[in-house]
């Protein structure tokens, strides 16, 4: 059984509903959600938007291999209204699902890099991840999630979401 950490994010339409629908689709199509973090609200990272993001990390168990998990994620994103444009950089989206960790594997494929290459730069990822496994060691940096938080230079606002 593979243990996978996924980051869910949304800043368009009903953000809470999008996260809920994504969790349901993950449970039915990829694997059992074993635990989930609180939901955090944050400023957009890497681009400007008036809409704040909601983010959450879920830990799942699945029998699928990494590329199959990615295929299923892309199907879920499309089903939930994600539109991928050929633009450079980041844009607002109804749903975004990223594979943060896949067991303790290091994966470098044309279409998939795991651990996610920007984990240590993004407080909106590190804070919810720390709720689920603060002592987890990043297989490339060899630092715990807690250590990555203390070293992260991300100054954008990230706080627990209270609807």
Protein backbone atom coordinates (compact mmCIF):
# COMPACT_ATOMS: atom_id res chain seq x y z
CA UNK A 1 0.00 0.00 0.00
CA UNK A 2 1.37 3.42 -0.98
CA UNK A 3 1.09 6.44 1.31
CA UNK A 4 0.58 9.65 -0.64
CA UNK A 5 0.21 13.25 0.51
CA UNK A 6 -1.86 15.50 -1.77
CA UNK A 7 -2.29 19.27 -1.62
CA UNK A 8 -5.74 20.55 -2.59
CA UNK A 9 -6.25 24.18 -3.52
CA UNK A 10 -9.01 26.43 -4.86
CA UNK A 11 -9.56 30.15 -5.32
CA UNK A 12 -12.52 30.31 -7.71
CA UNK A 13 -16.26 29.77 -7.23
CA UNK A 14 -17.28 27.96 -4.02
CA UNK A 15 -13.81 27.12 -2.74
CA UNK A 16 -14.98 24.98 0.21
CA UNK A 17 -17.31 22.97 -2.00
CA UNK A 18 -14.50 22.40 -4.51
CA UNK A 19 -12.25 20.97 -1.78
CA UNK A 20 -15.09 18.76 -0.53
CA UNK A 21 -15.83 17.46 -4.03
CA UNK A 22 -12.13 16.82 -4.61
CA UNK A 23 -11.86 14.80 -1.37
CA UNK A 24 -14.90 12.72 -2.39
CA UNK A 25 -13.47 12.08 -5.87
CA UNK A 26 -10.08 11.13 -4.41
CA UNK A 27 -11.75 8.70 -2.01
CA UNK A 28 -13.78 7.03 -4.73
CA UNK A 29 -11.19 7.09 -7.51
CA UNK A 30 -7.68 6.97 -6.03
CA UNK A 31 -7.61 5.71 -2.45
CA UNK A 32 -8.81 6.01 1.11
CA UNK A 33 -8.23 9.34 2.82
CA UNK A 34 -6.57 8.37 6.10
CA UNK A 35 -6.24 11.90 7.50
CA UNK A 36 -6.79 15.48 6.43
CA UNK A 37 -5.42 18.78 7.68
CA UNK A 38 -7.42 21.82 8.61
CA UNK A 39 -8.26 24.14 5.74
CA UNK A 40 -6.06 27.21 5.40
CA UNK A 41 -6.70 30.46 3.60
CA UNK A 42 -3.80 32.16 1.89
CA UNK A 43 -2.78 34.80 -0.57
CA UNK A 44 -2.06 33.59 -4.11
CA UNK A 45 1.55 32.46 -4.48
CA UNK A 46 3.47 33.41 -7.60
CA UNK A 47 0.80 35.63 -9.16
CA UNK A 48 -1.71 38.37 -8.31
CA UNK A 49 -5.39 37.65 -7.77
CA UNK A 50 -8.09 39.28 -5.67
CA UNK A 51 -9.36 35.84 -4.65
CA UNK A 52 -7.67 34.12 -1.70
CA UNK A 53 -6.89 30.39 -1.87
CA UNK A 54 -8.19 27.64 0.36
CA UNK A 55 -5.66 24.82 0.81
CA UNK A 56 -5.69 21.47 2.54
CA UNK A 57 -3.39 18.44 2.67
CA UNK A 58 -4.80 14.91 2.68
CA UNK A 59 -2.98 11.66 3.37
CA UNK A 60 -4.22 8.73 1.32
CA UNK A 61 -3.43 5.06 0.93
CA UNK A 62 -3.59 3.66 -2.59
CA UNK A 63 -2.52 0.63 -4.58
CA UNK A 64 -1.89 2.81 -7.64
CA UNK A 65 1.53 3.70 -8.98
CA UNK A 66 2.58 7.39 -9.16
CA UNK A 67 1.73 8.04 -12.83
CA UNK A 68 -1.67 6.39 -12.42
CA UNK A 69 -2.37 8.62 -9.41
CA UNK A 70 -1.41 11.63 -11.54
CA UNK A 71 -3.75 10.50 -14.34
CA UNK A 72 -6.62 10.16 -11.88
CA UNK A 73 -5.88 13.59 -10.37
CA UNK A 74 -5.99 15.22 -13.81
CA UNK A 75 -9.37 13.56 -14.49
CA UNK A 76 -10.71 14.86 -11.15
CA UNK A 77 -9.49 18.38 -11.88
CA UNK A 78 -11.22 18.39 -15.28
CA UNK A 79 -14.42 16.95 -13.79
CA UNK A 80 -14.42 19.77 -11.19
CA UNK A 81 -14.02 22.50 -13.79
CA UNK A 82 -10.26 23.05 -13.93
CA UNK A 83 -9.27 24.69 -17.16
CA UNK A 84 -5.60 24.46 -18.07
CA UNK A 85 -4.46 27.25 -20.32
CA UNK A 86 -1.24 27.53 -22.24
CA UNK A 87 -0.21 30.52 -20.17
CA UNK A 88 3.15 30.89 -18.51
CA UNK A 89 2.96 31.00 -14.75
CA UNK A 90 0.19 30.53 -12.23
CA UNK A 91 -3.49 31.44 -12.63
CA UNK A 92 -6.65 31.26 -10.54
CA UNK A 93 -8.37 27.86 -10.57
CA UNK A 94 -11.43 26.02 -9.32
CA UNK A 95 -9.28 23.11 -8.11
CA UNK A 96 -5.64 22.16 -8.05
CA UNK A 97 -4.36 18.83 -6.72
CA UNK A 98 -0.62 18.32 -6.32
CA UNK A 99 1.24 15.18 -5.31
CA UNK A 100 3.52 16.32 -2.48
CA UNK A 101 5.00 12.98 -1.42
CA UNK A 102 4.64 9.41 -2.66
CA UNK A 103 5.97 7.16 0.11
CA UNK A 104 9.57 8.36 0.50
CA UNK A 105 10.24 8.02 -3.21
CA UNK A 106 12.10 10.47 -5.41
CA UNK A 107 10.46 10.57 -8.84
CA UNK A 108 11.74 12.58 -11.78
CA UNK A 109 9.67 12.08 -14.91
CA UNK A 110 8.83 14.55 -17.67
CA UNK A 111 5.30 14.97 -16.30
CA UNK A 112 5.84 14.27 -12.59
CA UNK A 113 8.36 15.35 -9.99
CA UNK A 114 8.01 14.02 -6.44
CA UNK A 115 8.52 15.31 -3.84
CA UNK A 116 6.85 18.41 -5.21
CA UNK A 117 9.78 20.71 -6.07
CA UNK A 118 8.39 23.81 -4.33
CA UNK A 119 7.26 22.35 -0.99
CA UNK A 120 9.97 24.08 1.01
CA UNK A 121 9.15 27.47 -0.55
CA UNK A 122 5.42 27.52 0.26
CA UNK A 123 4.06 28.09 3.73
CA UNK A 124 0.53 27.31 2.46
CA UNK A 125 1.80 23.78 1.82
CA UNK A 126 4.06 23.34 4.84
CA UNK A 127 1.55 24.39 7.52
CA UNK A 128 -1.21 21.92 6.60
CA UNK A 129 1.42 19.24 5.92
CA UNK A 130 2.84 19.76 9.41
CA UNK A 131 -0.55 18.95 10.93
CA UNK A 132 -0.41 15.50 9.38
CA UNK A 133 3.28 14.67 9.77
CA UNK A 134 5.54 17.40 11.20
CA UNK A 135 8.43 14.96 11.72
CA UNK A 136 8.31 13.49 8.21
CA UNK A 137 11.72 13.72 6.54
CA UNK A 138 11.88 15.19 3.04
CA UNK A 139 13.78 12.56 1.03
CA UNK A 140 15.89 15.11 -0.85
CA UNK A 141 16.63 17.82 1.73
CA UNK A 142 16.76 15.30 4.61
CA UNK A 143 14.97 17.86 6.79
CA UNK A 144 11.72 17.42 8.68
CA UNK A 145 8.61 19.36 7.73
CA UNK A 146 9.07 21.28 11.01
CA UNK A 147 12.61 22.25 10.00
CA UNK A 148 11.42 23.30 6.55
CA UNK A 149 8.81 25.55 8.20
CA UNK A 150 11.43 27.23 10.37
CA UNK A 151 13.62 27.85 7.29
CA UNK A 152 10.86 28.91 4.88
CA UNK A 153 11.15 32.52 3.72
CA UNK A 154 7.59 32.74 2.36
CA UNK A 155 6.07 35.93 3.78
CA UNK A 156 2.57 35.55 2.33
CA UNK A 157 -0.32 35.39 4.77
CA UNK A 158 -1.53 31.88 5.65
CA UNK A 159 -4.11 31.31 8.40
CA UNK A 160 -6.73 28.76 9.45
CA UNK A 161 -9.97 29.14 7.50
CA UNK A 162 -13.15 29.76 9.45
CA UNK A 163 -16.20 29.84 7.15
